Full PDB file with SEQRES, HELIX, SHEET, SSBOND, CRYST1, ORIGX, SCALE, CONECT and MASTER records, all heavy atoms in Angstrom:
SEQRES   1 A   36  PHE ARG GLN ALA PRO GLY LYS GLU ARG GLU PHE VAL ALA          
SEQRES   2 A   36  GLY ILE SER ARG SER GLY GLY SER THR TYR TYR THR ASP          
SEQRES   3 A   36  SER VAL LYS GLY ARG PHE THR ILE SER ARG                      
HELIX    1 AA1 ASP A   26  VAL A   28  5                                   3    
SHEET    1 AA1 2 ALA A  13  ILE A  15  0                                        
SHEET    2 AA1 2 THR A  22  TYR A  24 -1                                        
CRYST1    1.000    1.000    1.000  90.00  90.00  90.00 P 1           1          
ORIGX1      1.000000  0.000000  0.000000        0.00000                         
ORIGX2      0.000000  1.000000  0.000000        0.00000                         
ORIGX3      0.000000  0.000000  1.000000        0.00000                         
SCALE1      1.000000  0.000000  0.000000        0.00000                         
SCALE2      0.000000  1.000000  0.000000        0.00000                         
SCALE3      0.000000  0.000000  1.000000        0.00000                         
ATOM      1  N   PHE A   1       0.795  -1.120  -0.018  1.00  0.00           N  
ATOM      2  CA  PHE A   1      -0.017  -0.019  -0.049  1.00  0.00           C  
ATOM      3  C   PHE A   1       0.881   1.220   0.002  1.00  0.00           C  
ATOM      4  O   PHE A   1       2.076   1.149   0.340  1.00  0.00           O  
ATOM      5  CB  PHE A   1      -0.948   0.027   1.224  1.00  0.00           C  
ATOM      6  CG  PHE A   1      -1.924  -1.074   1.247  1.00  0.00           C  
ATOM      7  CD1 PHE A   1      -1.701  -2.365   1.557  1.00  0.00           C  
ATOM      8  CD2 PHE A   1      -3.328  -0.737   0.940  1.00  0.00           C  
ATOM      9  CE1 PHE A   1      -2.669  -3.337   1.532  1.00  0.00           C  
ATOM     10  CE2 PHE A   1      -4.282  -1.729   0.991  1.00  0.00           C  
ATOM     11  CZ  PHE A   1      -3.980  -3.001   1.211  1.00  0.00           C  
ATOM     12  N   ARG A   2       0.293   2.372  -0.351  1.00  0.00           N  
ATOM     13  CA  ARG A   2       1.076   3.604  -0.275  1.00  0.00           C  
ATOM     14  C   ARG A   2       0.193   4.762   0.127  1.00  0.00           C  
ATOM     15  O   ARG A   2      -1.026   4.625  -0.029  1.00  0.00           O  
ATOM     16  CB  ARG A   2       1.641   3.934  -1.697  1.00  0.00           C  
ATOM     17  CG  ARG A   2       0.672   4.326  -2.786  1.00  0.00           C  
ATOM     18  CD  ARG A   2       1.314   4.450  -4.146  1.00  0.00           C  
ATOM     19  NE  ARG A   2       0.412   4.707  -5.175  1.00  0.00           N  
ATOM     20  CZ  ARG A   2       0.721   4.770  -6.459  1.00  0.00           C  
ATOM     21  NH1 ARG A   2       1.949   4.405  -6.834  1.00  0.00           N  
ATOM     22  NH2 ARG A   2      -0.170   5.050  -7.336  1.00  0.00           N  
ATOM     23  N   GLN A   3       0.803   5.737   0.701  1.00  0.00           N  
ATOM     24  CA  GLN A   3       0.039   6.887   1.148  1.00  0.00           C  
ATOM     25  C   GLN A   3       0.794   8.197   0.800  1.00  0.00           C  
ATOM     26  O   GLN A   3       1.962   8.377   1.238  1.00  0.00           O  
ATOM     27  CB  GLN A   3      -0.134   6.810   2.704  1.00  0.00           C  
ATOM     28  CG  GLN A   3      -1.111   7.905   3.216  1.00  0.00           C  
ATOM     29  CD  GLN A   3      -1.560   7.592   4.681  1.00  0.00           C  
ATOM     30  OE1 GLN A   3      -0.947   6.823   5.368  1.00  0.00           O  
ATOM     31  NE2 GLN A   3      -2.587   8.255   5.121  1.00  0.00           N  
ATOM     32  N   ALA A   4       0.154   8.938   0.071  1.00  0.00           N  
ATOM     33  CA  ALA A   4       0.714  10.295  -0.368  1.00  0.00           C  
ATOM     34  C   ALA A   4       0.209  11.279   0.617  1.00  0.00           C  
ATOM     35  O   ALA A   4      -0.753  11.168   1.236  1.00  0.00           O  
ATOM     36  CB  ALA A   4       0.269  10.675  -1.797  1.00  0.00           C  
ATOM     37  N   PRO A   5       0.960  12.415   0.694  1.00  0.00           N  
ATOM     38  CA  PRO A   5       0.578  13.507   1.594  1.00  0.00           C  
ATOM     39  C   PRO A   5      -0.875  13.939   1.345  1.00  0.00           C  
ATOM     40  O   PRO A   5      -1.263  14.276   0.128  1.00  0.00           O  
ATOM     41  CB  PRO A   5       1.568  14.548   1.330  1.00  0.00           C  
ATOM     42  CG  PRO A   5       2.738  13.930   0.782  1.00  0.00           C  
ATOM     43  CD  PRO A   5       2.215  12.690   0.018  1.00  0.00           C  
ATOM     44  N   GLY A   6      -1.648  14.041   2.413  1.00  0.00           N  
ATOM     45  CA  GLY A   6      -3.042  14.472   2.259  1.00  0.00           C  
ATOM     46  C   GLY A   6      -4.002  13.478   1.651  1.00  0.00           C  
ATOM     47  O   GLY A   6      -5.166  13.829   1.491  1.00  0.00           O  
ATOM     48  N   LYS A   7      -3.521  12.256   1.411  1.00  0.00           N  
ATOM     49  CA  LYS A   7      -4.437  11.262   0.826  1.00  0.00           C  
ATOM     50  C   LYS A   7      -4.557  10.058   1.720  1.00  0.00           C  
ATOM     51  O   LYS A   7      -3.739   9.837   2.638  1.00  0.00           O  
ATOM     52  CB  LYS A   7      -3.921  10.811  -0.532  1.00  0.00           C  
ATOM     53  CG  LYS A   7      -3.909  11.937  -1.579  1.00  0.00           C  
ATOM     54  CD  LYS A   7      -3.470  11.409  -2.986  1.00  0.00           C  
ATOM     55  CE  LYS A   7      -3.517  12.464  -3.997  1.00  0.00           C  
ATOM     56  NZ  LYS A   7      -3.049  11.912  -5.312  1.00  0.00           N  
ATOM     57  N   GLU A   8      -5.535   9.298   1.523  1.00  0.00           N  
ATOM     58  CA  GLU A   8      -5.747   8.034   2.240  1.00  0.00           C  
ATOM     59  C   GLU A   8      -4.800   6.934   1.682  1.00  0.00           C  
ATOM     60  O   GLU A   8      -4.322   7.001   0.536  1.00  0.00           O  
ATOM     61  CB  GLU A   8      -7.217   7.531   1.984  1.00  0.00           C  
ATOM     62  CG  GLU A   8      -8.274   8.378   2.495  1.00  0.00           C  
ATOM     63  CD  GLU A   8      -8.298   8.483   3.990  1.00  0.00           C  
ATOM     64  OE1 GLU A   8      -8.011   7.423   4.690  1.00  0.00           O  
ATOM     65  OE2 GLU A   8      -8.641   9.594   4.517  1.00  0.00           O  
ATOM     66  N   ARG A   9      -4.470   6.080   2.563  1.00  0.00           N  
ATOM     67  CA  ARG A   9      -3.622   4.893   2.234  1.00  0.00           C  
ATOM     68  C   ARG A   9      -4.374   4.086   1.194  1.00  0.00           C  
ATOM     69  O   ARG A   9      -5.515   3.792   1.330  1.00  0.00           O  
ATOM     70  CB  ARG A   9      -3.266   4.055   3.407  1.00  0.00           C  
ATOM     71  CG  ARG A   9      -2.130   3.048   3.263  1.00  0.00           C  
ATOM     72  CD  ARG A   9      -1.731   2.357   4.440  1.00  0.00           C  
ATOM     73  NE  ARG A   9      -1.236   3.372   5.449  1.00  0.00           N  
ATOM     74  CZ  ARG A   9      -0.801   3.053   6.658  1.00  0.00           C  
ATOM     75  NH1 ARG A   9      -0.677   1.759   7.019  1.00  0.00           N  
ATOM     76  NH2 ARG A   9      -0.364   3.984   7.431  1.00  0.00           N  
ATOM     77  N   GLU A  10      -3.724   3.712   0.077  1.00  0.00           N  
ATOM     78  CA  GLU A  10      -4.318   3.023  -1.025  1.00  0.00           C  
ATOM     79  C   GLU A  10      -3.558   1.748  -1.388  1.00  0.00           C  
ATOM     80  O   GLU A  10      -2.369   1.630  -1.259  1.00  0.00           O  
ATOM     81  CB  GLU A  10      -4.462   3.914  -2.234  1.00  0.00           C  
ATOM     82  CG  GLU A  10      -3.111   4.323  -2.860  1.00  0.00           C  
ATOM     83  CD  GLU A  10      -3.284   5.104  -4.198  1.00  0.00           C  
ATOM     84  OE1 GLU A  10      -4.381   5.152  -4.640  1.00  0.00           O  
ATOM     85  OE2 GLU A  10      -2.280   5.590  -4.728  1.00  0.00           O  
ATOM     86  N   PHE A  11      -4.347   0.821  -1.901  1.00  0.00           N  
ATOM     87  CA  PHE A  11      -3.827  -0.391  -2.351  1.00  0.00           C  
ATOM     88  C   PHE A  11      -2.890  -0.207  -3.609  1.00  0.00           C  
ATOM     89  O   PHE A  11      -3.306   0.469  -4.526  1.00  0.00           O  
ATOM     90  CB  PHE A  11      -4.959  -1.422  -2.659  1.00  0.00           C  
ATOM     91  CG  PHE A  11      -4.514  -2.668  -3.308  1.00  0.00           C  
ATOM     92  CD1 PHE A  11      -3.897  -3.690  -2.651  1.00  0.00           C  
ATOM     93  CD2 PHE A  11      -4.828  -2.873  -4.650  1.00  0.00           C  
ATOM     94  CE1 PHE A  11      -3.524  -4.885  -3.216  1.00  0.00           C  
ATOM     95  CE2 PHE A  11      -4.395  -4.024  -5.305  1.00  0.00           C  
ATOM     96  CZ  PHE A  11      -3.773  -5.001  -4.589  1.00  0.00           C  
ATOM     97  N   VAL A  12      -1.819  -0.930  -3.665  1.00  0.00           N  
ATOM     98  CA  VAL A  12      -0.928  -0.937  -4.847  1.00  0.00           C  
ATOM     99  C   VAL A  12      -0.874  -2.252  -5.419  1.00  0.00           C  
ATOM    100  O   VAL A  12      -1.120  -2.392  -6.718  1.00  0.00           O  
ATOM    101  CB  VAL A  12       0.555  -0.394  -4.428  1.00  0.00           C  
ATOM    102  CG1 VAL A  12       1.411  -0.495  -5.710  1.00  0.00           C  
ATOM    103  CG2 VAL A  12       0.460   1.021  -3.868  1.00  0.00           C  
ATOM    104  N   ALA A  13      -0.509  -3.298  -4.724  1.00  0.00           N  
ATOM    105  CA  ALA A  13      -0.331  -4.605  -5.362  1.00  0.00           C  
ATOM    106  C   ALA A  13      -0.517  -5.650  -4.276  1.00  0.00           C  
ATOM    107  O   ALA A  13      -0.200  -5.415  -3.036  1.00  0.00           O  
ATOM    108  CB  ALA A  13       1.084  -4.768  -5.974  1.00  0.00           C  
ATOM    109  N   GLY A  14      -0.915  -6.859  -4.633  1.00  0.00           N  
ATOM    110  CA  GLY A  14      -1.042  -7.994  -3.735  1.00  0.00           C  
ATOM    111  C   GLY A  14      -0.581  -9.247  -4.399  1.00  0.00           C  
ATOM    112  O   GLY A  14      -0.468  -9.364  -5.614  1.00  0.00           O  
ATOM    113  N   ILE A  15      -0.192 -10.222  -3.569  1.00  0.00           N  
ATOM    114  CA  ILE A  15       0.280 -11.501  -4.048  1.00  0.00           C  
ATOM    115  C   ILE A  15      -0.157 -12.586  -3.064  1.00  0.00           C  
ATOM    116  O   ILE A  15      -0.112 -12.455  -1.897  1.00  0.00           O  
ATOM    117  CB  ILE A  15       1.747 -11.485  -4.192  1.00  0.00           C  
ATOM    118  CG1 ILE A  15       2.287 -12.732  -4.952  1.00  0.00           C  
ATOM    119  CG2 ILE A  15       2.486 -11.276  -2.816  1.00  0.00           C  
ATOM    120  CD1 ILE A  15       3.682 -12.595  -5.418  1.00  0.00           C  
ATOM    121  N   SER A  16      -0.584 -13.721  -3.651  1.00  0.00           N  
ATOM    122  CA  SER A  16      -1.041 -14.883  -2.877  1.00  0.00           C  
ATOM    123  C   SER A  16       0.045 -15.564  -2.151  1.00  0.00           C  
ATOM    124  O   SER A  16       1.298 -15.304  -2.371  1.00  0.00           O  
ATOM    125  CB  SER A  16      -1.844 -15.780  -3.722  1.00  0.00           C  
ATOM    126  OG  SER A  16      -1.010 -16.378  -4.744  1.00  0.00           O  
ATOM    127  N   ARG A  17      -0.256 -16.477  -1.250  1.00  0.00           N  
ATOM    128  CA  ARG A  17       0.684 -17.192  -0.454  1.00  0.00           C  
ATOM    129  C   ARG A  17       1.823 -17.840  -1.256  1.00  0.00           C  
ATOM    130  O   ARG A  17       3.005 -17.646  -0.926  1.00  0.00           O  
ATOM    131  CB  ARG A  17       0.063 -18.272   0.355  1.00  0.00           C  
ATOM    132  CG  ARG A  17      -0.796 -17.827   1.504  1.00  0.00           C  
ATOM    133  CD  ARG A  17      -1.435 -18.994   2.235  1.00  0.00           C  
ATOM    134  NE  ARG A  17      -2.343 -19.707   1.447  1.00  0.00           N  
ATOM    135  CZ  ARG A  17      -2.707 -20.947   1.728  1.00  0.00           C  
ATOM    136  NH1 ARG A  17      -2.286 -21.628   2.772  1.00  0.00           N  
ATOM    137  NH2 ARG A  17      -3.642 -21.526   0.914  1.00  0.00           N  
ATOM    138  N   SER A  18       1.524 -18.478  -2.325  1.00  0.00           N  
ATOM    139  CA  SER A  18       2.486 -19.223  -3.158  1.00  0.00           C  
ATOM    140  C   SER A  18       3.134 -18.294  -4.204  1.00  0.00           C  
ATOM    141  O   SER A  18       4.084 -18.774  -4.867  1.00  0.00           O  
ATOM    142  CB  SER A  18       1.843 -20.433  -3.840  1.00  0.00           C  
ATOM    143  OG  SER A  18       0.895 -19.969  -4.762  1.00  0.00           O  
ATOM    144  N   GLY A  19       2.595 -17.147  -4.410  1.00  0.00           N  
ATOM    145  CA  GLY A  19       3.010 -16.286  -5.430  1.00  0.00           C  
ATOM    146  C   GLY A  19       2.321 -16.515  -6.785  1.00  0.00           C  
ATOM    147  O   GLY A  19       2.607 -15.892  -7.794  1.00  0.00           O  
ATOM    148  N   GLY A  20       1.347 -17.417  -6.830  1.00  0.00           N  
ATOM    149  CA  GLY A  20       0.710 -17.819  -8.076  1.00  0.00           C  
ATOM    150  C   GLY A  20      -0.303 -16.775  -8.576  1.00  0.00           C  
ATOM    151  O   GLY A  20      -0.638 -16.808  -9.777  1.00  0.00           O  
ATOM    152  N   SER A  21      -0.791 -15.885  -7.747  1.00  0.00           N  
ATOM    153  CA  SER A  21      -1.744 -14.826  -8.141  1.00  0.00           C  
ATOM    154  C   SER A  21      -1.259 -13.513  -7.657  1.00  0.00           C  
ATOM    155  O   SER A  21      -0.830 -13.352  -6.589  1.00  0.00           O  
ATOM    156  CB  SER A  21      -3.133 -15.125  -7.517  1.00  0.00           C  
ATOM    157  OG  SER A  21      -3.610 -16.389  -7.901  1.00  0.00           O  
ATOM    158  N   THR A  22      -1.388 -12.532  -8.602  1.00  0.00           N  
ATOM    159  CA  THR A  22      -1.082 -11.142  -8.309  1.00  0.00           C  
ATOM    160  C   THR A  22      -2.158 -10.242  -8.748  1.00  0.00           C  
ATOM    161  O   THR A  22      -2.933 -10.443  -9.554  1.00  0.00           O  
ATOM    162  CB  THR A  22       0.287 -10.751  -8.980  1.00  0.00           C  
ATOM    163  OG1 THR A  22       0.069 -10.990 -10.420  1.00  0.00           O  
ATOM    164  CG2 THR A  22       1.448 -11.668  -8.556  1.00  0.00           C  
ATOM    165  N   TYR A  23      -2.146  -9.095  -7.982  1.00  0.00           N  
ATOM    166  CA  TYR A  23      -3.211  -8.056  -8.198  1.00  0.00           C  
ATOM    167  C   TYR A  23      -2.570  -6.689  -8.174  1.00  0.00           C  
ATOM    168  O   TYR A  23      -1.641  -6.366  -7.412  1.00  0.00           O  
ATOM    169  CB  TYR A  23      -4.250  -8.233  -7.101  1.00  0.00           C  
ATOM    170  CG  TYR A  23      -4.764  -9.587  -6.972  1.00  0.00           C  
ATOM    171  CD1 TYR A  23      -4.105 -10.502  -6.089  1.00  0.00           C  
ATOM    172  CD2 TYR A  23      -5.867 -10.044  -7.686  1.00  0.00           C  
ATOM    173  CE1 TYR A  23      -4.626 -11.858  -5.989  1.00  0.00           C  
ATOM    174  CE2 TYR A  23      -6.395 -11.319  -7.511  1.00  0.00           C  
ATOM    175  CZ  TYR A  23      -5.782 -12.239  -6.741  1.00  0.00           C  
ATOM    176  OH  TYR A  23      -6.215 -13.566  -6.605  1.00  0.00           O  
ATOM    177  N   TYR A  24      -3.165  -5.819  -8.994  1.00  0.00           N  
ATOM    178  CA  TYR A  24      -2.534  -4.427  -9.098  1.00  0.00           C  
ATOM    179  C   TYR A  24      -3.623  -3.429  -9.205  1.00  0.00           C  
ATOM    180  O   TYR A  24      -4.738  -3.687  -9.848  1.00  0.00           O  
ATOM    181  CB  TYR A  24      -1.597  -4.286 -10.306  1.00  0.00           C  
ATOM    182  CG  TYR A  24      -0.396  -5.235 -10.235  1.00  0.00           C  
ATOM    183  CD1 TYR A  24      -0.487  -6.491 -10.923  1.00  0.00           C  
ATOM    184  CD2 TYR A  24       0.729  -4.904  -9.623  1.00  0.00           C  
ATOM    185  CE1 TYR A  24       0.598  -7.332 -10.861  1.00  0.00           C  
ATOM    186  CE2 TYR A  24       1.794  -5.735  -9.572  1.00  0.00           C  
ATOM    187  CZ  TYR A  24       1.734  -6.998 -10.199  1.00  0.00           C  
ATOM    188  OH  TYR A  24       2.845  -7.830 -10.284  1.00  0.00           O  
ATOM    189  N   THR A  25      -3.442  -2.271  -8.626  1.00  0.00           N  
ATOM    190  CA  THR A  25      -4.320  -1.121  -8.920  1.00  0.00           C  
ATOM    191  C   THR A  25      -4.056  -0.669 -10.385  1.00  0.00           C  
ATOM    192  O   THR A  25      -2.939  -0.800 -10.855  1.00  0.00           O  
ATOM    193  CB  THR A  25      -4.157   0.002  -7.900  1.00  0.00           C  
ATOM    194  OG1 THR A  25      -5.174   0.949  -8.040  1.00  0.00           O  
ATOM    195  CG2 THR A  25      -2.796   0.631  -8.006  1.00  0.00           C  
ATOM    196  N   ASP A  26      -5.051  -0.129 -10.928  1.00  0.00           N  
ATOM    197  CA  ASP A  26      -4.929   0.152 -12.382  1.00  0.00           C  
ATOM    198  C   ASP A  26      -3.756   1.134 -12.717  1.00  0.00           C  
ATOM    199  O   ASP A  26      -3.183   1.084 -13.706  1.00  0.00           O  
ATOM    200  CB  ASP A  26      -6.234   0.856 -12.865  1.00  0.00           C  
ATOM    201  CG  ASP A  26      -7.393  -0.146 -13.012  1.00  0.00           C  
ATOM    202  OD1 ASP A  26      -7.121  -1.348 -13.053  1.00  0.00           O  
ATOM    203  OD2 ASP A  26      -8.527   0.272 -13.154  1.00  0.00           O  
ATOM    204  N   SER A  27      -3.536   2.052 -11.816  1.00  0.00           N  
ATOM    205  CA  SER A  27      -2.533   3.068 -12.076  1.00  0.00           C  
ATOM    206  C   SER A  27      -1.123   2.592 -12.177  1.00  0.00           C  
ATOM    207  O   SER A  27      -0.204   3.250 -12.704  1.00  0.00           O  
ATOM    208  CB  SER A  27      -2.574   4.227 -11.098  1.00  0.00           C  
ATOM    209  OG  SER A  27      -2.242   3.717  -9.785  1.00  0.00           O  
ATOM    210  N   VAL A  28      -0.907   1.306 -11.714  1.00  0.00           N  
ATOM    211  CA  VAL A  28       0.513   0.843 -11.662  1.00  0.00           C  
ATOM    212  C   VAL A  28       0.726  -0.381 -12.633  1.00  0.00           C  
ATOM    213  O   VAL A  28       1.792  -0.816 -12.777  1.00  0.00           O  
ATOM    214  CB  VAL A  28       1.058   0.469 -10.315  1.00  0.00           C  
ATOM    215  CG1 VAL A  28       0.838   1.612  -9.351  1.00  0.00           C  
ATOM    216  CG2 VAL A  28       0.332  -0.845  -9.717  1.00  0.00           C  
ATOM    217  N   LYS A  29      -0.414  -0.912 -13.186  1.00  0.00           N  
ATOM    218  CA  LYS A  29      -0.358  -2.026 -14.087  1.00  0.00           C  
ATOM    219  C   LYS A  29       0.584  -1.810 -15.274  1.00  0.00           C  
ATOM    220  O   LYS A  29       0.576  -0.744 -15.898  1.00  0.00           O  
ATOM    221  CB  LYS A  29      -1.759  -2.331 -14.580  1.00  0.00           C  
ATOM    222  CG  LYS A  29      -2.618  -2.951 -13.589  1.00  0.00           C  
ATOM    223  CD  LYS A  29      -4.004  -3.341 -14.174  1.00  0.00           C  
ATOM    224  CE  LYS A  29      -4.929  -3.966 -13.136  1.00  0.00           C  
ATOM    225  NZ  LYS A  29      -6.292  -4.245 -13.657  1.00  0.00           N  
ATOM    226  N   GLY A  30       1.475  -2.749 -15.482  1.00  0.00           N  
ATOM    227  CA  GLY A  30       2.438  -2.579 -16.538  1.00  0.00           C  
ATOM    228  C   GLY A  30       3.735  -1.938 -16.168  1.00  0.00           C  
ATOM    229  O   GLY A  30       4.719  -1.953 -16.920  1.00  0.00           O  
ATOM    230  N   ARG A  31       3.715  -1.336 -14.968  1.00  0.00           N  
ATOM    231  CA  ARG A  31       4.901  -0.705 -14.472  1.00  0.00           C  
ATOM    232  C   ARG A  31       5.535  -1.361 -13.245  1.00  0.00           C  
ATOM    233  O   ARG A  31       6.744  -1.359 -13.072  1.00  0.00           O  
ATOM    234  CB  ARG A  31       4.679   0.825 -14.147  1.00  0.00           C  
ATOM    235  CG  ARG A  31       4.179   1.572 -15.350  1.00  0.00           C  
ATOM    236  CD  ARG A  31       4.072   3.132 -15.033  1.00  0.00           C  
ATOM    237  NE  ARG A  31       3.096   3.388 -14.020  1.00  0.00           N  
ATOM    238  CZ  ARG A  31       3.411   3.954 -12.797  1.00  0.00           C  
ATOM    239  NH1 ARG A  31       4.646   4.298 -12.576  1.00  0.00           N  
ATOM    240  NH2 ARG A  31       2.486   4.162 -11.949  1.00  0.00           N  
ATOM    241  N   PHE A  32       4.588  -1.782 -12.327  1.00  0.00           N  
ATOM    242  CA  PHE A  32       5.112  -2.391 -11.089  1.00  0.00           C  
ATOM    243  C   PHE A  32       4.867  -3.887 -11.149  1.00  0.00           C  
ATOM    244  O   PHE A  32       3.975  -4.386 -11.772  1.00  0.00           O  
ATOM    245  CB  PHE A  32       4.263  -1.890  -9.871  1.00  0.00           C  
ATOM    246  CG  PHE A  32       4.449  -0.404  -9.489  1.00  0.00           C  
ATOM    247  CD1 PHE A  32       5.201   0.367 -10.337  1.00  0.00           C  
ATOM    248  CD2 PHE A  32       3.986   0.031  -8.378  1.00  0.00           C  
ATOM    249  CE1 PHE A  32       5.354   1.725 -10.014  1.00  0.00           C  
ATOM    250  CE2 PHE A  32       4.179   1.394  -7.994  1.00  0.00           C  
ATOM    251  CZ  PHE A  32       4.876   2.253  -8.811  1.00  0.00           C  
ATOM    252  N   THR A  33       5.788  -4.582 -10.473  1.00  0.00           N  
ATOM    253  CA  THR A  33       5.630  -6.093 -10.319  1.00  0.00           C  
ATOM    254  C   THR A  33       5.903  -6.502  -8.865  1.00  0.00           C  
ATOM    255  O   THR A  33       6.943  -6.195  -8.273  1.00  0.00           O  
ATOM    256  CB  THR A  33       6.702  -6.820 -11.191  1.00  0.00           C  
ATOM    257  OG1 THR A  33       6.531  -6.331 -12.615  1.00  0.00           O  
ATOM    258  CG2 THR A  33       6.549  -8.273 -11.099  1.00  0.00           C  
ATOM    259  N   ILE A  34       4.901  -7.247  -8.281  1.00  0.00           N  
ATOM    260  CA  ILE A  34       5.057  -7.780  -7.003  1.00  0.00           C  
ATOM    261  C   ILE A  34       5.474  -9.227  -7.145  1.00  0.00           C  
ATOM    262  O   ILE A  34       5.114  -9.956  -8.006  1.00  0.00           O  
ATOM    263  CB  ILE A  34       3.762  -7.585  -6.216  1.00  0.00           C  
ATOM    264  CG1 ILE A  34       3.962  -8.053  -4.741  1.00  0.00           C  
ATOM    265  CG2 ILE A  34       2.608  -8.463  -6.845  1.00  0.00           C  
ATOM    266  CD1 ILE A  34       2.759  -7.799  -3.847  1.00  0.00           C  
ATOM    267  N   SER A  35       6.412  -9.646  -6.202  1.00  0.00           N  
ATOM    268  CA  SER A  35       6.861 -10.990  -6.215  1.00  0.00           C  
ATOM    269  C   SER A  35       7.212 -11.423  -4.822  1.00  0.00           C  
ATOM    270  O   SER A  35       7.340 -10.525  -3.944  1.00  0.00           O  
ATOM    271  CB  SER A  35       8.066 -11.173  -7.121  1.00  0.00           C  
ATOM    272  OG  SER A  35       9.172 -10.342  -6.790  1.00  0.00           O  
ATOM    273  N   ARG A  36       7.504 -12.659  -4.586  1.00  0.00           N  
ATOM    274  CA  ARG A  36       7.855 -13.129  -3.193  1.00  0.00           C  
ATOM    275  C   ARG A  36       8.824 -14.267  -3.348  1.00  0.00           C  
ATOM    276  O   ARG A  36       8.744 -15.089  -4.294  1.00  0.00           O  
ATOM    277  CB  ARG A  36       6.620 -13.445  -2.401  1.00  0.00           C  
ATOM    278  CG  ARG A  36       5.880 -14.642  -2.832  1.00  0.00           C  
ATOM    279  CD  ARG A  36       4.490 -14.725  -2.044  1.00  0.00           C  
ATOM    280  NE  ARG A  36       4.755 -14.939  -0.611  1.00  0.00           N  
ATOM    281  CZ  ARG A  36       3.761 -14.779   0.307  1.00  0.00           C  
ATOM    282  NH1 ARG A  36       2.597 -14.349  -0.093  1.00  0.00           N  
ATOM    283  NH2 ARG A  36       4.043 -14.956   1.591  1.00  0.00           N  
TER     284      ARG A  36                                                      
MASTER        0    0    0    1    2    0    0    6  283    1    0    3          
END                                                                             
């Protein structure tokens, strides 16, 4: 998650236990990669 000044904390990316499923907020898709 991330929190910018004056804004609410927002979801950025998520990953399942095994790493088999990943999730991204629209604004970072194609730019950010979550892994474990």
